[in-house]
Amino acid sequence: MASGRGTVLASAAWVALVPLALAPIALAPPAVAEPLPIQTAPAAAADEPLQPWPYPPPDPAEWWSADWPPAPEAADPLGGRRAPRRAPDVQTPVEPTLYRLWGLPPLQAQVVRRGEAVFEVWRRPSNSVEQVVFRVILRQDGAVFVQGRAGRACCEPQIARRVGFDARLPDETRASFLALARDSAWATPRDAVAQEALASVGSICLAGAAYDLVLLTENGGYALRRDCEPAEIGQAAEILQAVIGAGLGHEPRIDVLFPAGADFSGPRGAYEQLLQEGGYIKAADPPAP
């Protein structure tokens, strides 16, 4: 009896579940995925003129066939010249490939004629990777040009956030730069330190900015390196002030890296005080083998 009763109860339960099993299941309609918005480039401002150089046109087919406008003269004032049979010896701590990364014609390939000169100043802070280079070019016809580049030279195989400009300076500045080509600082040792009269070793600087100065004339190149010690920088203050002063005022993103502008009165005073106290600028000791 017990087994028969259990069979009856199980059968009743199965019959009660049959309508539920056979009843149609109301399924919710599948959600239709909304299309993602298409990302479009922001439209150029109406008041911002399009610069065809050095950027390509939007049509890829025209890249290989369209005529390109020539580069502005200020971008390469000494370009298009035939190399002389005997090129001058260019003394510069910068390799040609590094010049390319900064968007500058390599100084080793520049053809400088009589009466012309190229000045370069590289600024390398010791507590930052934001470096700056200014180049001033005096051409034989009396024209004066300045080029500037700034960027972060660290951690990438390129110059990050690079900005720059190419501009022409007033012709009246030529005479002052020609005088700087004869500055006595070019005859001093390339790597130098400030030696105080009563000190046994030269000064050591741990914070500030180091400068590489380069001069290229028809007779060859000259290079100086001055670390962040004020007296060392003060020896080349005239050159630094002139070249950096010529480079400021063209690109605001470069100007902000020089909160004091091109004022080198502090280093100049430190150098004069060093001389008054019997000190001098001497060649740096060679590195230990």
Protein backbone atom coordinates (compact mmCIF):
# COMPACT_ATOMS: atom_id res chain seq x y z
CA MET A 1 0.00 0.00 0.00
CA ALA A 2 2.74 2.38 0.90
CA SER A 3 4.45 1.83 -2.44
CA GLY A 4 1.19 2.21 -4.34
CA ARG A 5 0.37 5.45 -2.57
CA GLY A 6 3.78 6.80 -3.34
CA THR A 7 3.32 5.93 -6.99
CA VAL A 8 -0.02 7.72 -7.10
CA LEU A 9 1.43 10.86 -5.49
CA ALA A 10 4.36 10.88 -7.90
CA SER A 11 2.03 10.52 -10.85
CA ALA A 12 -0.12 13.38 -9.63
CA ALA A 13 2.88 15.58 -9.22
CA TRP A 14 4.08 14.76 -12.74
CA VAL A 15 0.66 15.57 -14.19
CA ALA A 16 0.69 18.92 -12.35
CA LEU A 17 4.06 19.78 -13.87
CA VAL A 18 3.06 18.91 -17.44
CA PRO A 19 1.18 22.19 -18.14
CA LEU A 20 4.13 24.14 -16.87
CA ALA A 21 6.52 22.22 -19.06
CA LEU A 22 4.36 22.53 -22.17
CA ALA A 23 3.41 26.16 -21.60
CA PRO A 24 5.20 28.53 -23.97
CA ILE A 25 8.09 30.38 -22.36
CA ALA A 26 7.94 34.13 -22.81
CA LEU A 27 11.45 35.17 -23.69
CA ALA A 28 12.52 38.79 -23.50
CA PRO A 29 13.53 40.16 -26.89
CA PRO A 30 17.33 40.40 -27.25
CA ALA A 31 18.74 43.82 -26.53
CA VAL A 32 19.94 45.57 -29.64
CA ALA A 33 23.42 47.00 -29.14
CA GLU A 34 23.57 50.66 -29.92
CA PRO A 35 26.27 51.59 -32.46
CA LEU A 36 29.34 53.24 -30.96
CA PRO A 37 29.77 56.88 -31.83
CA ILE A 38 32.29 57.51 -34.57
CA GLN A 39 35.29 59.44 -33.33
CA THR A 40 36.07 62.27 -35.65
CA ALA A 41 38.96 64.66 -35.53
CA PRO A 42 38.04 68.10 -34.22
CA ALA A 43 37.52 70.64 -36.91
CA ALA A 44 40.25 73.21 -37.29
CA ALA A 45 39.41 76.62 -35.96
CA ALA A 46 38.26 79.05 -38.56
CA ASP A 47 40.92 81.55 -37.60
CA GLU A 48 43.77 78.99 -37.67
CA PRO A 49 45.36 78.85 -41.13
CA LEU A 50 46.40 75.47 -42.48
CA GLN A 51 50.13 74.97 -42.78
CA PRO A 52 51.01 72.78 -45.77
CA TRP A 53 54.60 72.34 -44.65
CA PRO A 54 55.85 70.02 -43.24
CA TYR A 55 52.52 68.19 -42.85
CA PRO A 56 51.07 66.01 -45.66
CA PRO A 57 47.69 66.74 -47.29
CA PRO A 58 44.73 64.63 -46.17
CA ASP A 59 44.50 62.73 -49.47
CA PRO A 60 46.99 59.80 -49.38
CA ALA A 61 47.02 59.50 -53.17
CA GLU A 62 48.51 62.97 -53.49
CA TRP A 63 51.43 62.12 -51.20
CA TRP A 64 53.52 60.73 -54.09
CA SER A 65 52.35 62.95 -56.94
CA ALA A 66 51.46 66.40 -55.64
CA ASP A 67 53.95 69.26 -55.81
CA TRP A 68 55.19 70.28 -52.39
CA PRO A 69 55.88 73.86 -51.38
CA PRO A 70 59.53 74.46 -50.53
CA ALA A 71 60.57 74.77 -46.92
CA PRO A 72 60.76 78.31 -45.54
CA GLU A 73 64.17 79.89 -45.88
CA ALA A 74 64.56 80.22 -42.11
CA ALA A 75 64.26 76.43 -41.71
CA ASP A 76 67.60 75.89 -43.48
CA PRO A 77 69.36 79.19 -44.21
CA LEU A 78 72.53 77.45 -45.42
CA GLY A 79 70.80 74.74 -47.47
CA GLY A 80 71.33 73.98 -51.14
CA ARG A 81 75.09 74.59 -51.15
CA ARG A 82 77.76 72.42 -52.69
CA ALA A 83 80.09 70.85 -50.18
CA PRO A 84 83.70 72.05 -50.46
CA ARG A 85 86.47 69.67 -51.36
CA ARG A 86 87.93 70.00 -47.91
CA ALA A 87 85.29 70.44 -45.25
CA PRO A 88 86.32 72.29 -42.06
CA ASP A 89 86.81 70.37 -38.84
CA VAL A 90 83.54 70.79 -36.93
CA GLN A 91 84.00 70.50 -33.17
CA THR A 92 80.60 69.74 -31.69
CA PRO A 93 79.52 67.29 -28.98
CA VAL A 94 76.30 66.56 -30.89
CA GLU A 95 76.11 63.67 -33.34
CA PRO A 96 74.40 64.17 -36.73
CA THR A 97 71.66 61.68 -35.83
CA LEU A 98 70.85 63.66 -32.70
CA TYR A 99 70.52 66.83 -34.76
CA ARG A 100 67.95 65.00 -36.88
CA LEU A 101 65.95 64.04 -33.81
CA TRP A 102 65.79 67.69 -32.83
CA GLY A 103 64.68 68.69 -36.34
CA LEU A 104 67.84 70.64 -37.18
CA PRO A 105 70.23 70.29 -40.12
CA PRO A 106 73.40 68.61 -38.77
CA LEU A 107 76.12 71.13 -38.12
CA GLN A 108 78.62 68.73 -39.67
CA ALA A 109 76.90 69.17 -43.05
CA GLN A 110 76.61 72.97 -43.01
CA VAL A 111 78.73 74.82 -45.58
CA VAL A 112 79.99 78.06 -44.00
CA ARG A 113 81.67 80.64 -46.21
CA ARG A 114 83.85 83.63 -45.49
CA GLY A 115 82.15 86.15 -43.25
CA GLU A 116 79.55 83.66 -42.02
CA ALA A 117 79.15 82.04 -38.61
CA VAL A 118 76.87 79.65 -36.74
CA PHE A 119 76.33 79.87 -32.98
CA GLU A 120 74.72 77.11 -30.95
CA VAL A 121 73.75 76.91 -27.28
CA TRP A 122 72.46 73.70 -25.71
CA ARG A 123 70.88 74.02 -22.27
CA ARG A 124 70.69 70.81 -20.20
CA PRO A 125 69.25 71.16 -16.67
CA SER A 126 70.56 68.74 -14.06
CA ASN A 127 67.14 68.28 -12.40
CA SER A 128 64.96 68.08 -15.50
CA VAL A 129 64.85 66.40 -18.92
CA GLU A 130 63.48 69.49 -20.69
CA GLN A 131 66.37 70.54 -22.90
CA VAL A 132 66.61 73.53 -25.22
CA VAL A 133 68.83 74.36 -28.20
CA PHE A 134 69.15 77.71 -29.96
CA ARG A 135 71.05 78.26 -33.20
CA VAL A 136 71.93 81.66 -34.68
CA ILE A 137 73.15 81.81 -38.29
CA LEU A 138 74.96 84.75 -39.88
CA ARG A 139 74.85 84.58 -43.65
CA GLN A 140 77.20 86.23 -46.12
CA ASP A 141 74.47 88.45 -47.59
CA GLY A 142 73.85 90.08 -44.20
CA ALA A 143 70.80 88.04 -43.18
CA VAL A 144 70.59 86.70 -39.62
CA PHE A 145 68.42 83.73 -38.63
CA VAL A 146 67.57 81.99 -35.37
CA GLN A 147 66.28 78.48 -34.80
CA GLY A 148 64.98 77.06 -31.54
CA ARG A 149 63.98 73.61 -30.35
CA ALA A 150 62.83 72.32 -26.96
CA GLY A 151 61.64 68.95 -25.74
CA ARG A 152 62.05 66.13 -23.29
CA ALA A 153 65.17 64.14 -24.11
CA CYS A 154 64.65 61.10 -21.95
CA CYS A 155 63.14 57.65 -21.81
CA GLU A 156 62.00 57.47 -25.45
CA PRO A 157 63.79 56.89 -28.77
CA GLN A 158 62.71 60.37 -29.81
CA ILE A 159 62.40 63.89 -28.44
CA ALA A 160 59.06 63.95 -26.63
CA ARG A 161 56.83 67.04 -26.79
CA ARG A 162 59.22 68.70 -29.21
CA VAL A 163 58.40 72.27 -30.19
CA GLY A 164 60.39 74.69 -32.27
CA PHE A 165 60.51 77.69 -34.54
CA ASP A 166 62.57 79.15 -37.39
CA ALA A 167 62.69 82.92 -37.73
CA ARG A 168 64.71 85.76 -39.17
CA LEU A 169 66.35 88.36 -36.95
CA PRO A 170 66.91 92.02 -37.79
CA ASP A 171 70.00 92.56 -39.91
CA GLU A 172 71.26 95.08 -37.34
CA THR A 173 72.10 92.21 -34.94
CA ARG A 174 74.80 90.90 -37.27
CA ALA A 175 77.54 93.22 -35.98
CA SER A 176 77.09 92.19 -32.36
CA PHE A 177 77.24 88.48 -33.20
CA LEU A 178 80.35 88.95 -35.32
CA ALA A 179 81.99 90.48 -32.26
CA LEU A 180 80.99 87.42 -30.22
CA ALA A 181 82.84 85.20 -32.70
CA ARG A 182 86.03 86.88 -31.46
CA ASP A 183 85.16 86.54 -27.76
CA SER A 184 88.07 85.38 -25.62
CA ALA A 185 85.98 82.53 -24.16
CA TRP A 186 86.43 80.52 -27.37
CA ALA A 187 90.18 80.30 -26.65
CA THR A 188 89.66 78.72 -23.22
CA PRO A 189 89.60 74.94 -22.54
CA ARG A 190 86.51 73.14 -23.69
CA ASP A 191 85.88 71.44 -20.33
CA ALA A 192 86.77 73.86 -17.56
CA VAL A 193 86.21 74.35 -13.85
CA ALA A 194 86.46 77.36 -11.57
CA GLN A 195 89.57 77.21 -9.37
CA GLU A 196 89.45 79.39 -6.27
CA ALA A 197 92.71 80.85 -5.01
CA LEU A 198 92.72 79.05 -1.64
CA ALA A 199 91.02 75.83 -2.74
CA SER A 200 92.90 72.64 -3.55
CA VAL A 201 90.36 71.35 -6.08
CA GLY A 202 88.03 72.95 -8.56
CA SER A 203 84.42 73.73 -7.80
CA ILE A 204 81.71 71.09 -8.07
CA CYS A 205 78.10 71.82 -8.98
CA LEU A 206 75.20 69.49 -8.27
CA ALA A 207 72.12 71.49 -9.29
CA GLY A 208 71.48 73.94 -12.10
CA ALA A 209 71.94 73.81 -15.86
CA ALA A 210 74.92 72.91 -18.01
CA TYR A 211 75.58 74.62 -21.32
CA ASP A 212 77.28 73.46 -24.50
CA LEU A 213 78.39 76.32 -26.74
CA VAL A 214 79.40 75.76 -30.34
CA LEU A 215 80.83 78.19 -32.91
CA LEU A 216 81.29 77.27 -36.56
CA THR A 217 83.13 79.52 -39.02
CA GLU A 218 84.92 79.00 -42.32
CA ASN A 219 88.04 78.02 -40.33
CA GLY A 220 86.35 75.26 -38.36
CA GLY A 221 84.43 74.75 -35.17
CA TYR A 222 84.95 75.51 -31.50
CA ALA A 223 83.08 73.93 -28.60
CA LEU A 224 82.80 74.82 -24.92
CA ARG A 225 81.05 73.06 -22.07
CA ARG A 226 80.21 74.90 -18.90
CA ASP A 227 78.59 73.09 -15.99
CA CYS A 228 76.12 74.65 -13.61
CA GLU A 229 78.74 76.39 -11.42
CA PRO A 230 78.02 80.15 -11.68
CA ALA A 231 81.62 81.29 -12.23
CA GLU A 232 82.11 78.83 -15.09
CA ILE A 233 78.92 80.01 -16.77
CA GLY A 234 79.86 83.62 -16.13
CA GLN A 235 82.97 83.27 -18.29
CA ALA A 236 80.72 82.68 -21.32
CA ALA A 237 77.89 84.94 -20.14
CA GLU A 238 78.16 87.32 -23.11
CA ILE A 239 77.69 84.52 -25.63
CA LEU A 240 74.90 82.84 -23.66
CA GLN A 241 73.00 86.06 -23.15
CA ALA A 242 73.16 87.01 -26.83
CA VAL A 243 72.16 83.62 -28.28
CA ILE A 244 69.46 82.81 -25.72
CA GLY A 245 68.14 86.36 -25.88
CA ALA A 246 67.80 86.03 -29.65
CA GLY A 247 65.87 82.77 -29.23
CA LEU A 248 63.33 84.02 -26.69
CA GLY A 249 60.10 85.70 -27.72
CA HIS A 250 59.32 83.42 -30.69
CA GLU A 251 57.66 80.40 -29.01
CA PRO A 252 55.80 80.77 -25.67
CA ARG A 253 56.26 77.09 -24.84
CA ILE A 254 60.01 77.64 -24.91
CA ASP A 255 59.91 80.97 -23.11
CA VAL A 256 58.34 79.39 -20.01
CA LEU A 257 61.48 77.28 -19.56
CA PHE A 258 63.43 80.51 -18.93
CA PRO A 259 61.66 82.23 -16.04
CA ALA A 260 64.56 84.66 -15.65
CA GLY A 261 64.84 85.26 -19.39
CA ALA A 262 68.34 85.72 -20.74
CA ASP A 263 69.67 87.39 -17.59
CA PHE A 264 73.17 86.15 -16.76
CA SER A 265 74.14 88.99 -14.44
CA GLY A 266 74.47 86.58 -11.50
CA PRO A 267 76.98 84.22 -13.17
CA ARG A 268 78.84 87.20 -14.64
CA GLY A 269 79.23 88.67 -11.15
CA ALA A 270 80.41 85.32 -9.77
CA TYR A 271 83.09 85.11 -12.47
CA GLU A 272 84.30 88.66 -11.78
CA GLN A 273 84.47 87.94 -8.06
CA LEU A 274 86.47 84.78 -8.76
CA LEU A 275 89.06 86.81 -10.66
CA GLN A 276 89.22 89.50 -7.98
CA GLU A 277 89.95 86.90 -5.32
CA GLY A 278 92.80 85.40 -7.30
CA GLY A 279 90.90 82.49 -8.80
CA TYR A 280 90.76 81.46 -12.43
CA ILE A 281 89.15 79.08 -14.92
CA LYS A 282 91.28 76.02 -15.56
CA ALA A 283 90.96 72.90 -17.69
CA ALA A 284 89.04 70.11 -16.03
CA ASP A 285 91.01 67.12 -14.90
CA PRO A 286 90.90 64.24 -17.40
CA PRO A 287 88.78 61.25 -16.37
CA ALA A 288 90.56 58.51 -14.52
CA PRO A 289 91.54 55.54 -16.70
